[in-house]
Amino acid sequence: MSISWEGFYSGYMSGSEGQGFALFIFADGAIAGADPLGVKFDGTYETQNDGSLAGTVTVSVPAGGTVIQGASAGPAGIKYEVVLEFSPNTFALDFVKLETPLGPVNLRLVKLRELGAVE
């Protein structure tokens, strides 16, 4: 199954201590995203021959923030990396479990639209 991973996405996340959401753009092997509280997501990805996606994202939590896994960012903020492995049927799943250095996160990734010309 061949799908295009490029596009705009909403990500609905839950952790041991809360829930959140973010918007993401996947384009030309790069991932950029942000949530309403100022958390930034920056990463890269590659599409595999079987249509799956493999990549990494650096999560940057601003000073004073608290993440959905329950950790406080403190005065310096927190940065950590998350490995991404999405199969072609990711959008049919209720959620994908991501392992992070701060604890597991359940992610529901919803594609909002493709990149490209406006009609």
N, C-alpha and C. Protein backbone atom coordinates (compact mmCIF):
# COMPACT_ATOMS: atom_id res chain seq x y z
N MET A 1 0.85 -1.18 0.00
CA MET A 1 0.00 0.00 0.00
C MET A 1 0.89 1.24 0.00
N SER A 2 0.72 2.09 -0.96
CA SER A 2 1.54 3.29 -1.06
C SER A 2 0.69 4.50 -0.69
N ILE A 3 1.16 5.22 0.31
CA ILE A 3 0.47 6.43 0.71
C ILE A 3 1.45 7.58 0.70
N SER A 4 0.96 8.77 0.59
CA SER A 4 1.79 9.96 0.70
C SER A 4 1.75 10.43 2.15
N TRP A 5 2.91 10.51 2.77
CA TRP A 5 2.97 10.99 4.15
C TRP A 5 3.00 12.51 4.21
N GLU A 6 3.26 13.19 3.10
CA GLU A 6 3.32 14.64 3.12
C GLU A 6 1.93 15.23 3.36
N GLY A 7 1.88 16.20 4.25
CA GLY A 7 0.61 16.84 4.52
C GLY A 7 0.55 17.50 5.88
N PHE A 8 -0.63 17.98 6.21
CA PHE A 8 -0.92 18.61 7.50
C PHE A 8 -1.66 17.59 8.37
N TYR A 9 -1.29 17.52 9.65
CA TYR A 9 -1.86 16.53 10.56
C TYR A 9 -2.25 17.16 11.89
N SER A 10 -3.26 16.58 12.51
CA SER A 10 -3.51 16.84 13.93
C SER A 10 -3.09 15.58 14.67
N GLY A 11 -2.50 15.80 15.82
CA GLY A 11 -2.08 14.68 16.66
C GLY A 11 -2.74 14.81 18.02
N TYR A 12 -3.49 13.79 18.40
CA TYR A 12 -4.17 13.76 19.70
C TYR A 12 -3.41 12.79 20.58
N MET A 13 -2.88 13.27 21.71
CA MET A 13 -1.97 12.49 22.53
C MET A 13 -2.49 12.33 23.95
N SER A 14 -2.18 11.19 24.54
CA SER A 14 -2.47 10.99 25.96
C SER A 14 -1.27 10.31 26.61
N GLY A 15 -1.03 10.71 27.85
CA GLY A 15 0.05 10.14 28.65
C GLY A 15 -0.50 9.79 30.02
N SER A 16 0.38 9.39 30.92
CA SER A 16 -0.06 8.95 32.24
C SER A 16 -0.68 10.07 33.07
N GLU A 17 -0.39 11.33 32.72
CA GLU A 17 -0.87 12.45 33.54
C GLU A 17 -1.68 13.48 32.78
N GLY A 18 -2.04 13.20 31.55
CA GLY A 18 -2.82 14.20 30.84
C GLY A 18 -3.00 13.90 29.37
N GLN A 19 -3.61 14.87 28.69
CA GLN A 19 -3.89 14.77 27.27
C GLN A 19 -3.46 16.06 26.60
N GLY A 20 -3.24 15.99 25.30
CA GLY A 20 -2.88 17.18 24.55
C GLY A 20 -3.10 16.98 23.07
N PHE A 21 -2.86 18.03 22.31
CA PHE A 21 -2.93 17.92 20.87
C PHE A 21 -1.93 18.87 20.25
N ALA A 22 -1.58 18.59 19.01
CA ALA A 22 -0.63 19.42 18.28
C ALA A 22 -0.96 19.36 16.79
N LEU A 23 -0.46 20.33 16.06
CA LEU A 23 -0.55 20.33 14.62
C LEU A 23 0.84 20.05 14.06
N PHE A 24 0.89 19.27 12.96
CA PHE A 24 2.15 18.88 12.36
C PHE A 24 2.10 19.09 10.86
N ILE A 25 3.28 19.35 10.28
CA ILE A 25 3.45 19.33 8.84
C ILE A 25 4.56 18.33 8.54
N PHE A 26 4.28 17.41 7.61
CA PHE A 26 5.27 16.47 7.10
C PHE A 26 5.53 16.91 5.66
N ALA A 27 6.77 17.30 5.34
CA ALA A 27 7.08 17.78 3.99
C ALA A 27 8.55 17.54 3.65
N ASP A 28 8.78 16.91 2.51
CA ASP A 28 10.15 16.71 2.00
C ASP A 28 11.09 16.10 3.03
N GLY A 29 10.59 15.15 3.80
CA GLY A 29 11.43 14.47 4.79
C GLY A 29 11.60 15.21 6.10
N ALA A 30 10.91 16.33 6.27
CA ALA A 30 11.00 17.10 7.51
C ALA A 30 9.65 17.12 8.22
N ILE A 31 9.72 17.15 9.55
CA ILE A 31 8.52 17.26 10.38
C ILE A 31 8.64 18.52 11.22
N ALA A 32 7.59 19.33 11.24
CA ALA A 32 7.53 20.50 12.11
C ALA A 32 6.15 20.51 12.75
N GLY A 33 6.11 20.89 14.03
CA GLY A 33 4.83 20.94 14.72
C GLY A 33 4.90 21.78 15.97
N ALA A 34 3.71 22.05 16.53
CA ALA A 34 3.61 22.83 17.76
C ALA A 34 2.27 22.54 18.41
N ASP A 35 2.24 22.75 19.74
CA ASP A 35 0.97 22.64 20.44
C ASP A 35 0.60 24.00 21.03
N PRO A 36 -0.61 24.15 21.57
CA PRO A 36 -1.05 25.45 22.07
C PRO A 36 -0.24 25.98 23.27
N LEU A 37 0.50 25.12 23.96
CA LEU A 37 1.27 25.55 25.12
C LEU A 37 2.73 25.86 24.80
N GLY A 38 3.08 25.82 23.51
CA GLY A 38 4.42 26.20 23.10
C GLY A 38 5.41 25.07 22.94
N VAL A 39 4.96 23.83 23.06
CA VAL A 39 5.85 22.70 22.80
C VAL A 39 6.09 22.65 21.30
N LYS A 40 7.37 22.47 20.91
CA LYS A 40 7.73 22.40 19.49
C LYS A 40 8.21 20.99 19.17
N PHE A 41 7.92 20.57 17.95
CA PHE A 41 8.30 19.26 17.44
C PHE A 41 9.07 19.47 16.14
N ASP A 42 10.32 19.01 16.08
CA ASP A 42 11.15 19.17 14.89
C ASP A 42 11.82 17.84 14.60
N GLY A 43 11.72 17.36 13.37
CA GLY A 43 12.32 16.07 13.07
C GLY A 43 12.46 15.80 11.60
N THR A 44 12.83 14.55 11.33
CA THR A 44 13.00 14.08 9.96
C THR A 44 12.34 12.71 9.83
N TYR A 45 12.03 12.35 8.58
CA TYR A 45 11.44 11.04 8.31
C TYR A 45 11.84 10.56 6.93
N GLU A 46 11.72 9.26 6.75
CA GLU A 46 11.91 8.63 5.46
C GLU A 46 10.76 7.68 5.23
N THR A 47 10.26 7.66 4.00
CA THR A 47 9.24 6.69 3.63
C THR A 47 9.95 5.42 3.19
N GLN A 48 9.53 4.28 3.72
CA GLN A 48 10.14 3.00 3.42
C GLN A 48 9.48 2.38 2.18
N ASN A 49 10.11 1.36 1.60
CA ASN A 49 9.59 0.70 0.39
C ASN A 49 8.19 0.12 0.60
N ASP A 50 7.87 -0.30 1.82
CA ASP A 50 6.56 -0.89 2.08
C ASP A 50 5.49 0.17 2.39
N GLY A 51 5.85 1.46 2.29
CA GLY A 51 4.89 2.53 2.56
C GLY A 51 4.89 3.02 3.98
N SER A 52 5.66 2.39 4.85
CA SER A 52 5.73 2.83 6.24
C SER A 52 6.63 4.06 6.36
N LEU A 53 6.62 4.66 7.53
CA LEU A 53 7.42 5.85 7.80
C LEU A 53 8.33 5.55 8.98
N ALA A 54 9.59 5.99 8.88
CA ALA A 54 10.55 5.88 9.98
C ALA A 54 11.19 7.24 10.17
N GLY A 55 11.30 7.68 11.41
CA GLY A 55 11.90 8.98 11.66
C GLY A 55 12.16 9.23 13.13
N THR A 56 12.60 10.43 13.41
CA THR A 56 12.80 10.88 14.79
C THR A 56 12.30 12.31 14.91
N VAL A 57 11.82 12.65 16.09
CA VAL A 57 11.35 14.00 16.39
C VAL A 57 11.98 14.45 17.69
N THR A 58 12.48 15.69 17.70
CA THR A 58 12.93 16.31 18.94
C THR A 58 11.78 17.12 19.50
N VAL A 59 11.43 16.84 20.74
CA VAL A 59 10.35 17.55 21.44
C VAL A 59 11.00 18.59 22.34
N SER A 60 10.63 19.85 22.18
CA SER A 60 11.17 20.95 22.99
C SER A 60 10.06 21.56 23.81
N VAL A 61 10.13 21.34 25.13
CA VAL A 61 9.12 21.84 26.06
C VAL A 61 9.64 23.14 26.68
N PRO A 62 8.87 24.23 26.62
CA PRO A 62 9.37 25.50 27.17
C PRO A 62 9.48 25.47 28.69
N ALA A 63 10.25 26.39 29.23
CA ALA A 63 10.43 26.53 30.67
C ALA A 63 9.08 26.63 31.37
N GLY A 64 8.96 25.93 32.48
CA GLY A 64 7.74 25.98 33.29
C GLY A 64 6.63 25.07 32.82
N GLY A 65 6.80 24.40 31.69
CA GLY A 65 5.76 23.53 31.18
C GLY A 65 5.71 22.20 31.90
N THR A 66 4.59 21.53 31.77
CA THR A 66 4.42 20.17 32.27
C THR A 66 3.93 19.32 31.12
N VAL A 67 4.56 18.17 30.93
CA VAL A 67 4.19 17.30 29.81
C VAL A 67 3.13 16.29 30.24
N ILE A 68 2.49 15.66 29.26
CA ILE A 68 1.40 14.73 29.54
C ILE A 68 1.87 13.46 30.23
N GLN A 69 3.19 13.24 30.27
CA GLN A 69 3.73 12.10 31.02
C GLN A 69 3.94 12.46 32.49
N GLY A 70 3.70 13.73 32.86
CA GLY A 70 3.76 14.15 34.25
C GLY A 70 5.01 14.88 34.67
N ALA A 71 6.02 14.98 33.82
CA ALA A 71 7.28 15.65 34.18
C ALA A 71 7.15 17.15 34.02
N SER A 72 7.81 17.88 34.91
CA SER A 72 7.86 19.34 34.83
C SER A 72 9.12 19.74 34.09
N ALA A 73 9.00 20.74 33.21
CA ALA A 73 10.15 21.19 32.42
C ALA A 73 11.12 22.03 33.24
N GLY A 74 10.68 22.56 34.39
CA GLY A 74 11.56 23.40 35.20
C GLY A 74 11.94 24.69 34.49
N PRO A 75 12.86 25.44 35.06
CA PRO A 75 13.22 26.75 34.50
C PRO A 75 14.02 26.67 33.19
N ALA A 76 14.62 25.53 32.89
CA ALA A 76 15.43 25.40 31.68
C ALA A 76 14.68 24.78 30.51
N GLY A 77 13.50 24.23 30.75
CA GLY A 77 12.78 23.52 29.71
C GLY A 77 13.34 22.11 29.57
N ILE A 78 12.76 21.33 28.66
CA ILE A 78 13.19 19.95 28.42
C ILE A 78 13.26 19.74 26.91
N LYS A 79 14.26 18.98 26.48
CA LYS A 79 14.34 18.51 25.10
C LYS A 79 14.59 17.02 25.13
N TYR A 80 13.86 16.28 24.30
CA TYR A 80 14.09 14.84 24.19
C TYR A 80 13.67 14.37 22.81
N GLU A 81 14.22 13.21 22.41
CA GLU A 81 13.93 12.64 21.10
C GLU A 81 12.98 11.47 21.20
N VAL A 82 12.15 11.33 20.17
CA VAL A 82 11.21 10.22 20.07
C VAL A 82 11.39 9.57 18.70
N VAL A 83 11.50 8.26 18.69
CA VAL A 83 11.59 7.50 17.44
C VAL A 83 10.18 7.26 16.93
N LEU A 84 9.99 7.48 15.63
CA LEU A 84 8.68 7.27 15.00
C LEU A 84 8.76 6.08 14.06
N GLU A 85 7.79 5.20 14.15
CA GLU A 85 7.63 4.10 13.21
C GLU A 85 6.14 3.94 12.95
N PHE A 86 5.70 4.42 11.78
CA PHE A 86 4.28 4.37 11.43
C PHE A 86 4.09 3.42 10.25
N SER A 87 3.14 2.52 10.36
CA SER A 87 2.81 1.61 9.26
C SER A 87 1.81 2.29 8.33
N PRO A 88 1.63 1.74 7.13
CA PRO A 88 0.64 2.32 6.21
C PRO A 88 -0.78 2.33 6.76
N ASN A 89 -1.10 1.47 7.73
CA ASN A 89 -2.46 1.44 8.29
C ASN A 89 -2.59 2.28 9.57
N THR A 90 -1.64 3.15 9.82
CA THR A 90 -1.66 3.99 11.03
C THR A 90 -2.98 4.75 11.18
N PHE A 91 -3.52 5.23 10.08
CA PHE A 91 -4.73 6.06 10.16
C PHE A 91 -5.98 5.24 10.49
N ALA A 92 -5.91 3.93 10.33
CA ALA A 92 -7.05 3.07 10.67
C ALA A 92 -7.02 2.63 12.14
N LEU A 93 -5.90 2.90 12.83
CA LEU A 93 -5.76 2.48 14.22
C LEU A 93 -6.35 3.51 15.17
N ASP A 94 -6.80 3.06 16.33
CA ASP A 94 -7.28 3.99 17.36
C ASP A 94 -6.14 4.87 17.85
N PHE A 95 -4.95 4.29 18.01
CA PHE A 95 -3.77 5.04 18.43
C PHE A 95 -2.52 4.23 18.14
N VAL A 96 -1.38 4.92 18.16
CA VAL A 96 -0.07 4.31 18.05
C VAL A 96 0.66 4.61 19.35
N LYS A 97 1.28 3.61 19.96
CA LYS A 97 2.02 3.82 21.20
C LYS A 97 3.44 4.26 20.86
N LEU A 98 3.85 5.40 21.42
CA LEU A 98 5.21 5.92 21.25
C LEU A 98 5.94 5.79 22.58
N GLU A 99 7.16 5.30 22.53
CA GLU A 99 8.00 5.24 23.72
C GLU A 99 8.84 6.51 23.76
N THR A 100 8.76 7.26 24.86
CA THR A 100 9.57 8.47 25.03
C THR A 100 10.43 8.30 26.27
N PRO A 101 11.49 9.10 26.41
CA PRO A 101 12.32 9.04 27.62
C PRO A 101 11.55 9.38 28.90
N LEU A 102 10.40 10.05 28.76
CA LEU A 102 9.62 10.44 29.93
C LEU A 102 8.45 9.51 30.20
N GLY A 103 8.29 8.49 29.38
CA GLY A 103 7.18 7.55 29.52
C GLY A 103 6.40 7.42 28.23
N PRO A 104 5.54 6.41 28.16
CA PRO A 104 4.80 6.16 26.92
C PRO A 104 3.74 7.23 26.64
N VAL A 105 3.48 7.42 25.35
CA VAL A 105 2.45 8.34 24.87
C VAL A 105 1.64 7.61 23.82
N ASN A 106 0.33 7.71 23.90
CA ASN A 106 -0.56 7.20 22.87
C ASN A 106 -0.88 8.35 21.92
N LEU A 107 -0.70 8.10 20.62
CA LEU A 107 -0.90 9.13 19.61
C LEU A 107 -1.93 8.68 18.60
N ARG A 108 -2.91 9.51 18.36
CA ARG A 108 -3.83 9.30 17.23
C ARG A 108 -3.47 10.38 16.22
N LEU A 109 -3.01 9.95 15.06
CA LEU A 109 -2.58 10.87 14.02
C LEU A 109 -3.66 10.93 12.95
N VAL A 110 -4.14 12.15 12.65
CA VAL A 110 -5.21 12.35 11.68
C VAL A 110 -4.71 13.28 10.59
N LYS A 111 -4.74 12.81 9.35
CA LYS A 111 -4.31 13.63 8.23
C LYS A 111 -5.42 14.61 7.88
N LEU A 112 -5.10 15.90 7.92
CA LEU A 112 -6.08 16.93 7.64
C LEU A 112 -6.17 17.26 6.15
N ARG A 113 -5.00 17.29 5.49
CA ARG A 113 -4.98 17.57 4.06
C ARG A 113 -3.60 17.32 3.50
N GLU A 114 -3.56 17.13 2.19
CA GLU A 114 -2.31 16.95 1.46
C GLU A 114 -1.63 18.33 1.30
N LEU A 115 -0.35 18.31 1.02
CA LEU A 115 0.33 19.51 0.59
C LEU A 115 0.04 19.71 -0.88
N GLY A 116 0.17 20.93 -1.36
CA GLY A 116 -0.02 21.15 -2.78
C GLY A 116 -0.77 22.41 -3.07
N ALA A 117 -1.10 22.57 -4.32
CA ALA A 117 -1.77 23.77 -4.78
C ALA A 117 -3.17 23.89 -4.19
N VAL A 118 -3.54 25.10 -3.92
CA VAL A 118 -4.88 25.40 -3.42
C VAL A 118 -5.84 25.41 -4.61
N GLU A 119 -6.95 24.77 -4.46
CA GLU A 119 -7.94 24.72 -5.55
C GLU A 119 -8.87 25.89 -5.48
